[in-house]
Amino acid sequence: MLNRRTLCRGALLSLGAQLAFGQKHPLEPIPARRILDEIRAAGPGLTVWWTGHNGWLIKSGDVLIATDLVVDAGNRLYSSPISAEELAPELDASFVTHGHGDHFNRETSRVLLEKSKCTFVLPASCVGIAREIGIPDSRMQVARPREPFELHGVKVQPVRALHGNPRNAVHQQANLDDCGYHITIGGKTFLQPGDSVLLEDHLFLKHVDVLFFSPTEHNMHIDPSLFLINELEPNYILPQHRDTYRVTPENRYWTNGYAYEVKLRLAKSLQQRYRILEQGERLRIE
């Protein structure tokens, strides 16, 4: 296992950055801890697990929701801590932010369609893909930016997302129908912005307890991530979109997240709220 606290060029670098600077990837996926038993045994309260990339499981009581699951992707650097087939009987809702395969994973979604009864929450930009997979309209909740709804007792406020590209530019094919999600569950609020540059919609949210954010070059990178964190001052700051796929010079703008670089530039009070989780790691939200 590589030491994630290796000093390089005067800064702490993520695993992806270490690999990109000449370290070799292992030939086989790195095993992650298994989490199915923990999910089933989770009692009262609110618990989250990171499954890699933008994939999060959030459980409150008997309700389990997920965001951007890619648990069955074959090109991961780390194996997933849970498979779609294991997860299917437990899952109530699968949130999708946009149509890229590392967020709306076709294989994972096909298994959930067949093996689960979950609702697929997805933006209008993904309805066509969902129908190609075979997801019926009866199992879709179409999300539109700034149009709130409630599902399984979970309050959802879809947030505008504009997909980025290298150097923090807006992607030429960015879709105005893509969504992030401001989710209220178990008395706490979560922000999953999806793949997006920093927007007014993010900065003007009134309250966020738990922030998932993506410090990659094509999302909010370092400075915009700092703007977002300092504005929202969430109680839990959780970097995502990192350390999941094999990093290459060609893909590093979206596979390598600068999680440590962001943390180092935060005030001490916010650094204490900052958690760089391992894949499969469990976190209780108090």
C-alpha atoms as a PDB file:
ATOM      1  CA  MET A   1       0.000   0.000   0.000  1.00  0.00           C
ATOM      2  CA  LEU A   2       1.388   3.418  -0.918  1.00  0.00           C
ATOM      3  CA  ASN A   3       1.990   5.973   1.821  1.00  0.00           C
ATOM      4  CA  ARG A   4      -0.557   8.729   1.180  1.00  0.00           C
ATOM      5  CA  ARG A   5       1.355  11.194   3.323  1.00  0.00           C
ATOM      6  CA  THR A   6       4.455  11.191   1.127  1.00  0.00           C
ATOM      7  CA  LEU A   7       5.879  14.694   0.682  1.00  0.00           C
ATOM      8  CA  CYS A   8       6.311  15.641  -2.955  1.00  0.00           C
ATOM      9  CA  ARG A   9       7.191  19.086  -4.299  1.00  0.00           C
ATOM     10  CA  GLY A  10       6.496  20.549  -0.877  1.00  0.00           C
ATOM     11  CA  ALA A  11       2.902  19.313  -0.641  1.00  0.00           C
ATOM     12  CA  LEU A  12       1.005  16.230   0.365  1.00  0.00           C
ATOM     13  CA  LEU A  13      -0.310  14.478  -2.698  1.00  0.00           C
ATOM     14  CA  SER A  14      -3.194  12.114  -3.235  1.00  0.00           C
ATOM     15  CA  LEU A  15      -2.626   8.517  -4.219  1.00  0.00           C
ATOM     16  CA  GLY A  16      -3.539   9.417  -7.790  1.00  0.00           C
ATOM     17  CA  ALA A  17      -0.892  12.135  -7.884  1.00  0.00           C
ATOM     18  CA  GLN A  18       1.750   9.806  -6.418  1.00  0.00           C
ATOM     19  CA  LEU A  19       0.985   7.273  -9.129  1.00  0.00           C
ATOM     20  CA  ALA A  20       1.008   9.916 -11.828  1.00  0.00           C
ATOM     21  CA  PHE A  21       4.492  11.002 -10.729  1.00  0.00           C
ATOM     22  CA  GLY A  22       6.022   7.673 -11.664  1.00  0.00           C
ATOM     23  CA  GLN A  23       4.668   5.107  -9.191  1.00  0.00           C
ATOM     24  CA  LYS A  24       3.311   2.002 -10.888  1.00  0.00           C
ATOM     25  CA  HIS A  25      -0.253   0.776 -10.536  1.00  0.00           C
ATOM     26  CA  PRO A  26      -0.692  -2.729  -9.127  1.00  0.00           C
ATOM     27  CA  LEU A  27      -1.769  -5.203 -11.802  1.00  0.00           C
ATOM     28  CA  GLU A  28      -4.866  -6.313  -9.887  1.00  0.00           C
ATOM     29  CA  PRO A  29      -7.443  -4.077  -8.164  1.00  0.00           C
ATOM     30  CA  ILE A  30      -6.498  -3.214  -4.595  1.00  0.00           C
ATOM     31  CA  PRO A  31      -8.935  -4.942  -2.187  1.00  0.00           C
ATOM     32  CA  ALA A  32     -11.287  -2.755  -0.173  1.00  0.00           C
ATOM     33  CA  ARG A  33     -12.956  -3.696   3.102  1.00  0.00           C
ATOM     34  CA  ARG A  34     -16.365  -5.366   2.712  1.00  0.00           C
ATOM     35  CA  ILE A  35     -19.329  -3.426   4.079  1.00  0.00           C
ATOM     36  CA  LEU A  36     -22.531  -5.431   3.475  1.00  0.00           C
ATOM     37  CA  ASP A  37     -22.756  -6.710   7.061  1.00  0.00           C
ATOM     38  CA  GLU A  38     -22.206  -3.189   8.428  1.00  0.00           C
ATOM     39  CA  ILE A  39     -25.008  -1.824   6.267  1.00  0.00           C
ATOM     40  CA  ARG A  40     -27.418  -4.485   7.430  1.00  0.00           C
ATOM     41  CA  ALA A  41     -26.422  -4.074  11.078  1.00  0.00           C
ATOM     42  CA  ALA A  42     -26.503  -0.271  11.161  1.00  0.00           C
ATOM     43  CA  GLY A  43     -28.851   0.748  13.932  1.00  0.00           C
ATOM     44  CA  PRO A  44     -30.514   4.074  14.716  1.00  0.00           C
ATOM     45  CA  GLY A  45     -28.799   7.226  13.612  1.00  0.00           C
ATOM     46  CA  LEU A  46     -27.119   8.286  10.413  1.00  0.00           C
ATOM     47  CA  THR A  47     -24.201   6.503   8.745  1.00  0.00           C
ATOM     48  CA  VAL A  48     -22.341   6.986   5.467  1.00  0.00           C
ATOM     49  CA  TRP A  49     -19.939   4.772   3.541  1.00  0.00           C
ATOM     50  CA  TRP A  50     -17.717   5.808   0.630  1.00  0.00           C
ATOM     51  CA  THR A  51     -17.763   3.243  -2.182  1.00  0.00           C
ATOM     52  CA  GLY A  52     -15.269   5.121  -4.365  1.00  0.00           C
ATOM     53  CA  HIS A  53     -15.414   8.023  -6.828  1.00  0.00           C
ATOM     54  CA  ASN A  54     -18.728   9.896  -6.232  1.00  0.00           C
ATOM     55  CA  GLY A  55     -20.360   6.804  -4.765  1.00  0.00           C
ATOM     56  CA  TRP A  56     -21.819   7.246  -1.286  1.00  0.00           C
ATOM     57  CA  LEU A  57     -24.240   5.159   0.741  1.00  0.00           C
ATOM     58  CA  ILE A  58     -26.301   7.063   3.301  1.00  0.00           C
ATOM     59  CA  LYS A  59     -28.404   5.140   5.789  1.00  0.00           C
ATOM     60  CA  SER A  60     -30.905   6.596   8.246  1.00  0.00           C
ATOM     61  CA  GLY A  61     -32.963   4.054  10.156  1.00  0.00           C
ATOM     62  CA  ASP A  62     -34.368   1.656   7.562  1.00  0.00           C
ATOM     63  CA  VAL A  63     -33.805   3.961   4.580  1.00  0.00           C
ATOM     64  CA  LEU A  64     -30.694   3.505   2.426  1.00  0.00           C
ATOM     65  CA  ILE A  65     -29.891   5.813  -0.480  1.00  0.00           C
ATOM     66  CA  ALA A  66     -26.872   6.074  -2.757  1.00  0.00           C
ATOM     67  CA  THR A  67     -25.249   8.564  -5.119  1.00  0.00           C
ATOM     68  CA  ASP A  68     -23.453   7.856  -8.429  1.00  0.00           C
ATOM     69  CA  LEU A  69     -22.752   4.167  -7.843  1.00  0.00           C
ATOM     70  CA  VAL A  70     -20.025   2.576  -9.980  1.00  0.00           C
ATOM     71  CA  VAL A  71     -19.540  -0.517  -7.866  1.00  0.00           C
ATOM     72  CA  ASP A  72     -19.313  -2.961 -10.774  1.00  0.00           C
ATOM     73  CA  ALA A  73     -16.873  -0.982 -12.936  1.00  0.00           C
ATOM     74  CA  GLY A  74     -14.063  -3.250 -14.146  1.00  0.00           C
ATOM     75  CA  ASN A  75     -11.403  -0.558 -14.569  1.00  0.00           C
ATOM     76  CA  ARG A  76     -11.188   0.559 -10.945  1.00  0.00           C
ATOM     77  CA  LEU A  77      -7.870   0.850  -9.139  1.00  0.00           C
ATOM     78  CA  TYR A  78      -9.608  -0.369  -5.979  1.00  0.00           C
ATOM     79  CA  SER A  79     -12.167  -3.128  -5.974  1.00  0.00           C
ATOM     80  CA  SER A  80     -15.545  -1.970  -4.731  1.00  0.00           C
ATOM     81  CA  PRO A  81     -16.393  -2.602  -1.063  1.00  0.00           C
ATOM     82  CA  ILE A  82     -19.784  -3.935  -2.163  1.00  0.00           C
ATOM     83  CA  SER A  83     -21.291  -5.306  -5.363  1.00  0.00           C
ATOM     84  CA  ALA A  84     -24.539  -4.155  -6.933  1.00  0.00           C
ATOM     85  CA  GLU A  85     -26.035  -7.599  -6.344  1.00  0.00           C
ATOM     86  CA  GLU A  86     -25.184  -7.434  -2.622  1.00  0.00           C
ATOM     87  CA  LEU A  87     -26.532  -3.925  -2.354  1.00  0.00           C
ATOM     88  CA  ALA A  88     -29.726  -4.450  -4.348  1.00  0.00           C
ATOM     89  CA  PRO A  89     -32.004  -5.867  -1.603  1.00  0.00           C
ATOM     90  CA  GLU A  90     -30.999  -3.069   0.793  1.00  0.00           C
ATOM     91  CA  LEU A  91     -31.267  -0.004  -1.461  1.00  0.00           C
ATOM     92  CA  ASP A  92     -34.251   2.353  -1.572  1.00  0.00           C
ATOM     93  CA  ALA A  93     -33.018   5.022  -4.002  1.00  0.00           C
ATOM     94  CA  SER A  94     -30.101   5.412  -6.418  1.00  0.00           C
ATOM     95  CA  PHE A  95     -29.287   9.061  -7.187  1.00  0.00           C
ATOM     96  CA  VAL A  96     -27.581   9.854 -10.503  1.00  0.00           C
ATOM     97  CA  THR A  97     -26.091  13.260 -11.284  1.00  0.00           C
ATOM     98  CA  HIS A  98     -25.345  12.949 -15.022  1.00  0.00           C
ATOM     99  CA  GLY A  99     -24.886  10.492 -17.856  1.00  0.00           C
ATOM    100  CA  HIS A 100     -21.147   9.759 -17.844  1.00  0.00           C
ATOM    101  CA  GLY A 101     -20.382   6.113 -17.161  1.00  0.00           C
ATOM    102  CA  ASP A 102     -18.340   6.849 -14.040  1.00  0.00           C
ATOM    103  CA  HIS A 103     -21.520   8.334 -12.508  1.00  0.00           C
ATOM    104  CA  PHE A 104     -24.462   6.660 -14.264  1.00  0.00           C
ATOM    105  CA  ASN A 105     -22.833   3.246 -14.508  1.00  0.00           C
ATOM    106  CA  ARG A 106     -24.785   1.063 -16.894  1.00  0.00           C
ATOM    107  CA  GLU A 107     -23.789  -2.331 -15.472  1.00  0.00           C
ATOM    108  CA  THR A 108     -24.434  -1.317 -11.862  1.00  0.00           C
ATOM    109  CA  SER A 109     -27.811   0.148 -12.844  1.00  0.00           C
ATOM    110  CA  ARG A 110     -28.844  -2.972 -14.803  1.00  0.00           C
ATOM    111  CA  VAL A 111     -28.187  -5.135 -11.757  1.00  0.00           C
ATOM    112  CA  LEU A 112     -30.119  -2.758  -9.500  1.00  0.00           C
ATOM    113  CA  LEU A 113     -32.974  -2.741 -11.991  1.00  0.00           C
ATOM    114  CA  GLU A 114     -33.180  -6.523 -11.994  1.00  0.00           C
ATOM    115  CA  LYS A 115     -32.348  -7.327  -8.374  1.00  0.00           C
ATOM    116  CA  SER A 116     -33.770  -4.378  -6.423  1.00  0.00           C
ATOM    117  CA  LYS A 117     -36.918  -2.325  -6.064  1.00  0.00           C
ATOM    118  CA  CYS A 118     -35.048   0.961  -5.741  1.00  0.00           C
ATOM    119  CA  THR A 119     -36.150   4.210  -7.317  1.00  0.00           C
ATOM    120  CA  PHE A 120     -33.705   5.789  -9.765  1.00  0.00           C
ATOM    121  CA  VAL A 121     -33.447   9.531  -9.155  1.00  0.00           C
ATOM    122  CA  LEU A 122     -31.936  11.121 -12.242  1.00  0.00           C
ATOM    123  CA  PRO A 123     -31.933  14.356 -14.223  1.00  0.00           C
ATOM    124  CA  ALA A 124     -33.894  14.786 -17.429  1.00  0.00           C
ATOM    125  CA  SER A 125     -30.587  14.500 -19.310  1.00  0.00           C
ATOM    126  CA  CYS A 126     -30.403  10.823 -18.254  1.00  0.00           C
ATOM    127  CA  VAL A 127     -33.945   9.665 -19.050  1.00  0.00           C
ATOM    128  CA  GLY A 128     -32.970   8.426 -22.505  1.00  0.00           C
ATOM    129  CA  ILE A 129     -30.086   6.363 -21.115  1.00  0.00           C
ATOM    130  CA  ALA A 130     -32.353   4.962 -18.395  1.00  0.00           C
ATOM    131  CA  ARG A 131     -34.889   3.815 -20.974  1.00  0.00           C
ATOM    132  CA  GLU A 132     -32.122   2.181 -23.042  1.00  0.00           C
ATOM    133  CA  ILE A 133     -31.130   0.209 -19.932  1.00  0.00           C
ATOM    134  CA  GLY A 134     -34.769  -0.772 -19.492  1.00  0.00           C
ATOM    135  CA  ILE A 135     -35.677   1.276 -16.426  1.00  0.00           C
ATOM    136  CA  PRO A 136     -39.447   1.873 -16.556  1.00  0.00           C
ATOM    137  CA  ASP A 137     -40.904   5.312 -15.930  1.00  0.00           C
ATOM    138  CA  SER A 138     -42.575   3.911 -12.807  1.00  0.00           C
ATOM    139  CA  ARG A 139     -39.139   3.492 -11.204  1.00  0.00           C
ATOM    140  CA  MET A 140     -37.785   6.895 -12.221  1.00  0.00           C
ATOM    141  CA  GLN A 141     -37.965  10.136 -10.283  1.00  0.00           C
ATOM    142  CA  VAL A 142     -36.919  12.819 -12.753  1.00  0.00           C
ATOM    143  CA  ALA A 143     -35.051  15.631 -11.008  1.00  0.00           C
ATOM    144  CA  ARG A 144     -34.934  19.182 -12.340  1.00  0.00           C
ATOM    145  CA  PRO A 145     -32.723  21.929 -10.921  1.00  0.00           C
ATOM    146  CA  ARG A 146     -34.478  24.040  -8.284  1.00  0.00           C
ATOM    147  CA  GLU A 147     -37.614  21.860  -8.227  1.00  0.00           C
ATOM    148  CA  PRO A 148     -37.702  20.125  -4.797  1.00  0.00           C
ATOM    149  CA  PHE A 149     -39.488  16.855  -4.046  1.00  0.00           C
ATOM    150  CA  GLU A 150     -39.714  14.182  -1.351  1.00  0.00           C
ATOM    151  CA  LEU A 151     -39.003  10.456  -1.698  1.00  0.00           C
ATOM    152  CA  HIS A 152     -39.072   7.744   1.002  1.00  0.00           C
ATOM    153  CA  GLY A 153     -39.241  10.536   3.586  1.00  0.00           C
ATOM    154  CA  VAL A 154     -36.077  12.114   2.149  1.00  0.00           C
ATOM    155  CA  LYS A 155     -36.289  15.763   1.104  1.00  0.00           C
ATOM    156  CA  VAL A 156     -34.450  16.508  -2.133  1.00  0.00           C
ATOM    157  CA  GLN A 157     -33.570  19.871  -3.610  1.00  0.00           C
ATOM    158  CA  PRO A 158     -31.940  19.357  -7.033  1.00  0.00           C
ATOM    159  CA  VAL A 159     -29.103  21.814  -7.653  1.00  0.00           C
ATOM    160  CA  ARG A 160     -27.840  23.042 -11.021  1.00  0.00           C
ATOM    161  CA  ALA A 161     -24.636  21.347 -12.261  1.00  0.00           C
ATOM    162  CA  LEU A 162     -22.419  22.462 -15.149  1.00  0.00           C
ATOM    163  CA  HIS A 163     -19.798  19.905 -16.116  1.00  0.00           C
ATOM    164  CA  GLY A 164     -16.232  21.169 -16.215  1.00  0.00           C
ATOM    165  CA  ASN A 165     -13.178  20.389 -18.312  1.00  0.00           C
ATOM    166  CA  PRO A 166      -9.423  20.906 -17.779  1.00  0.00           C
ATOM    167  CA  ARG A 167      -8.363  24.279 -16.320  1.00  0.00           C
ATOM    168  CA  ASN A 168     -11.768  24.795 -14.681  1.00  0.00           C
ATOM    169  CA  ALA A 169     -13.453  25.581 -17.996  1.00  0.00           C
ATOM    170  CA  VAL A 170     -17.105  24.701 -18.552  1.00  0.00           C
ATOM    171  CA  HIS A 171     -17.314  21.698 -20.872  1.00  0.00           C
ATOM    172  CA  GLN A 172     -18.530  22.520 -24.387  1.00  0.00           C
ATOM    173  CA  GLN A 173     -21.162  19.784 -24.005  1.00  0.00           C
ATOM    174  CA  ALA A 174     -22.256  20.753 -20.477  1.00  0.00           C
ATOM    175  CA  ASN A 175     -25.955  19.996 -20.040  1.00  0.00           C
ATOM    176  CA  LEU A 176     -28.214  22.419 -18.186  1.00  0.00           C
ATOM    177  CA  ASP A 177     -30.439  19.498 -17.158  1.00  0.00           C
ATOM    178  CA  ASP A 178     -27.675  17.816 -15.111  1.00  0.00           C
ATOM    179  CA  CYS A 179     -28.180  17.925 -11.343  1.00  0.00           C
ATOM    180  CA  GLY A 180     -26.456  17.895  -8.054  1.00  0.00           C
ATOM    181  CA  TYR A 181     -28.545  17.160  -4.961  1.00  0.00           C
ATOM    182  CA  HIS A 182     -29.106  18.900  -1.639  1.00  0.00           C
ATOM    183  CA  ILE A 183     -30.546  16.052   0.431  1.00  0.00           C
ATOM    184  CA  THR A 184     -32.138  16.144   3.875  1.00  0.00           C
ATOM    185  CA  ILE A 185     -32.200  12.762   5.596  1.00  0.00           C
ATOM    186  CA  GLY A 186     -32.110  11.810   9.267  1.00  0.00           C
ATOM    187  CA  GLY A 187     -32.288  15.478  10.250  1.00  0.00           C
ATOM    188  CA  LYS A 188     -29.028  16.344   8.411  1.00  0.00           C
ATOM    189  CA  THR A 189     -28.362  17.986   5.061  1.00  0.00           C
ATOM    190  CA  PHE A 190     -25.978  16.610   2.432  1.00  0.00           C
ATOM    191  CA  LEU A 191     -24.669  18.268  -0.723  1.00  0.00           C
ATOM    192  CA  GLN A 192     -23.675  16.074  -3.669  1.00  0.00           C
ATOM    193  CA  PRO A 193     -22.799  18.589  -6.418  1.00  0.00           C
ATOM    194  CA  GLY A 194     -22.030  15.927  -9.037  1.00  0.00           C
ATOM    195  CA  ASP A 195     -19.538  16.968 -11.714  1.00  0.00           C
ATOM    196  CA  SER A 196     -19.705  20.739 -11.779  1.00  0.00           C
ATOM    197  CA  VAL A 197     -17.678  23.891 -11.679  1.00  0.00           C
ATOM    198  CA  LEU A 198     -18.486  26.202  -8.793  1.00  0.00           C
ATOM    199  CA  LEU A 199     -21.874  27.891  -9.210  1.00  0.00           C
ATOM    200  CA  GLU A 200     -23.978  30.454  -7.390  1.00  0.00           C
ATOM    201  CA  ASP A 201     -26.422  27.613  -6.659  1.00  0.00           C
ATOM    202  CA  HIS A 202     -23.789  25.994  -4.420  1.00  0.00           C
ATOM    203  CA  LEU A 203     -22.690  29.122  -2.587  1.00  0.00           C
ATOM    204  CA  PHE A 204     -26.209  30.305  -1.755  1.00  0.00           C
ATOM    205  CA  LEU A 205     -27.384  27.119  -0.045  1.00  0.00           C
ATOM    206  CA  LYS A 206     -28.541  28.027   3.435  1.00  0.00           C
ATOM    207  CA  HIS A 207     -27.181  25.027   5.306  1.00  0.00           C
ATOM    208  CA  VAL A 208     -25.049  21.965   4.575  1.00  0.00           C
ATOM    209  CA  ASP A 209     -24.039  19.527   7.316  1.00  0.00           C
ATOM    210  CA  VAL A 210     -22.148  17.094   5.078  1.00  0.00           C
ATOM    211  CA  LEU A 211     -20.329  18.229   1.928  1.00  0.00           C
ATOM    212  CA  PHE A 212     -19.173  15.804  -0.750  1.00  0.00           C
ATOM    213  CA  PHE A 213     -16.900  17.755  -3.089  1.00  0.00           C
ATOM    214  CA  SER A 214     -14.643  16.914  -6.034  1.00  0.00           C
ATOM    215  CA  PRO A 215     -11.201  18.590  -6.010  1.00  0.00           C
ATOM    216  CA  THR A 216     -10.307  17.458  -9.526  1.00  0.00           C
ATOM    217  CA  GLU A 217      -9.084  19.758 -12.261  1.00  0.00           C
ATOM    218  CA  HIS A 218     -12.325  19.389 -14.234  1.00  0.00           C
ATOM    219  CA  ASN A 219     -14.577  20.054 -11.238  1.00  0.00           C
ATOM    220  CA  MET A 220     -13.816  22.541  -8.455  1.00  0.00           C
ATOM    221  CA  HIS A 221     -10.070  21.815  -8.218  1.00  0.00           C
ATOM    222  CA  ILE A 222      -8.368  23.680  -5.345  1.00  0.00           C
ATOM    223  CA  ASP A 223      -9.325  27.373  -5.196  1.00  0.00           C
ATOM    224  CA  PRO A 224     -13.047  26.949  -6.029  1.00  0.00           C
ATOM    225  CA  SER A 225     -13.210  24.074  -3.519  1.00  0.00           C
ATOM    226  CA  LEU A 226     -11.806  26.411  -0.890  1.00  0.00           C
ATOM    227  CA  PHE A 227     -14.380  29.079  -1.779  1.00  0.00           C
ATOM    228  CA  LEU A 228     -17.168  26.525  -1.390  1.00  0.00           C
ATOM    229  CA  ILE A 229     -15.937  25.099   1.915  1.00  0.00           C
ATOM    230  CA  ASN A 230     -15.267  28.501   3.458  1.00  0.00           C
ATOM    231  CA  GLU A 231     -18.689  29.773   2.420  1.00  0.00           C
ATOM    232  CA  LEU A 232     -20.713  26.763   3.610  1.00  0.00           C
ATOM    233  CA  GLU A 233     -18.598  25.794   6.664  1.00  0.00           C
ATOM    234  CA  PRO A 234     -20.052  22.261   6.753  1.00  0.00           C
ATOM    235  CA  ASN A 235     -19.614  20.004   9.765  1.00  0.00           C
ATOM    236  CA  TYR A 236     -18.220  17.183   7.619  1.00  0.00           C
ATOM    237  CA  ILE A 237     -16.019  17.877   4.587  1.00  0.00           C
ATOM    238  CA  LEU A 238     -15.533  14.758   2.455  1.00  0.00           C
ATOM    239  CA  PRO A 239     -13.475  14.802  -0.772  1.00  0.00           C
ATOM    240  CA  GLN A 240     -14.572  12.438  -3.556  1.00  0.00           C
ATOM    241  CA  HIS A 241     -13.799  11.806  -7.268  1.00  0.00           C
ATOM    242  CA  ARG A 242     -10.327  10.508  -6.328  1.00  0.00           C
ATOM    243  CA  ASP A 243      -8.235   7.376  -5.779  1.00  0.00           C
ATOM    244  CA  THR A 244     -10.701   5.116  -7.582  1.00  0.00           C
ATOM    245  CA  TYR A 245      -9.564   4.752 -11.206  1.00  0.00           C
ATOM    246  CA  ARG A 246      -6.109   4.101 -12.618  1.00  0.00           C
ATOM    247  CA  VAL A 247      -4.411   7.440 -13.252  1.00  0.00           C
ATOM    248  CA  THR A 248      -2.771   8.121 -16.610  1.00  0.00           C
ATOM    249  CA  PRO A 249      -1.351  11.333 -18.100  1.00  0.00           C
ATOM    250  CA  GLU A 250      -4.413  11.444 -20.355  1.00  0.00           C
ATOM    251  CA  ASN A 251      -7.094  11.025 -17.697  1.00  0.00           C
ATOM    252  CA  ARG A 252      -5.527  12.582 -14.618  1.00  0.00           C
ATOM    253  CA  TYR A 253      -7.598  15.795 -15.024  1.00  0.00           C
ATOM    254  CA  TRP A 254     -10.612  13.751 -13.834  1.00  0.00           C
ATOM    255  CA  THR A 255      -9.088  10.791 -11.940  1.00  0.00           C
ATOM    256  CA  ASN A 256      -6.708  12.668  -9.657  1.00  0.00           C
ATOM    257  CA  GLY A 257      -8.275  14.651  -6.812  1.00  0.00           C
ATOM    258  CA  TYR A 258      -6.259  17.185  -4.840  1.00  0.00           C
ATOM    259  CA  ALA A 259      -7.729  16.314  -1.457  1.00  0.00           C
ATOM    260  CA  TYR A 260      -4.638  16.955   0.661  1.00  0.00           C
ATOM    261  CA  GLU A 261      -3.776  20.172  -1.144  1.00  0.00           C
ATOM    262  CA  VAL A 262      -7.222  21.584  -0.294  1.00  0.00           C
ATOM    263  CA  LYS A 263      -6.989  20.518   3.341  1.00  0.00           C
ATOM    264  CA  LEU A 264      -3.609  22.193   3.833  1.00  0.00           C
ATOM    265  CA  ARG A 265      -5.047  25.574   2.848  1.00  0.00           C
ATOM    266  CA  LEU A 266      -8.027  25.486   5.195  1.00  0.00           C
ATOM    267  CA  ALA A 267      -8.195  27.081   8.620  1.00  0.00           C
ATOM    268  CA  LYS A 268      -7.471  24.694  11.493  1.00  0.00           C
ATOM    269  CA  SER A 269     -11.113  24.701  12.561  1.00  0.00           C
ATOM    270  CA  LEU A 270     -12.185  23.417   9.133  1.00  0.00           C
ATOM    271  CA  GLN A 271      -9.296  20.954   8.905  1.00  0.00           C
ATOM    272  CA  GLN A 272     -10.730  19.290  12.002  1.00  0.00           C
ATOM    273  CA  ARG A 273     -13.973  18.645  10.071  1.00  0.00           C
ATOM    274  CA  TYR A 274     -12.146  17.270   7.023  1.00  0.00           C
ATOM    275  CA  ARG A 275     -12.110  13.504   6.488  1.00  0.00           C
ATOM    276  CA  ILE A 276     -10.205  11.745   3.693  1.00  0.00           C
ATOM    277  CA  LEU A 277     -11.904   8.366   3.833  1.00  0.00           C
ATOM    278  CA  GLU A 278     -10.648   5.023   2.612  1.00  0.00           C
ATOM    279  CA  GLN A 279     -12.943   3.122   0.275  1.00  0.00           C
ATOM    280  CA  GLY A 280     -15.460   1.202   2.331  1.00  0.00           C
ATOM    281  CA  GLU A 281     -14.794   3.329   5.414  1.00  0.00           C
ATOM    282  CA  ARG A 282     -17.814   3.999   7.635  1.00  0.00           C
ATOM    283  CA  LEU A 283     -18.560   7.391   9.156  1.00  0.00           C
ATOM    284  CA  ARG A 284     -21.223   8.124  11.750  1.00  0.00           C
ATOM    285  CA  ILE A 285     -22.857  11.533  11.308  1.00  0.00           C
ATOM    286  CA  GLU A 286     -23.620  13.098  14.688  1.00  0.00           C
END
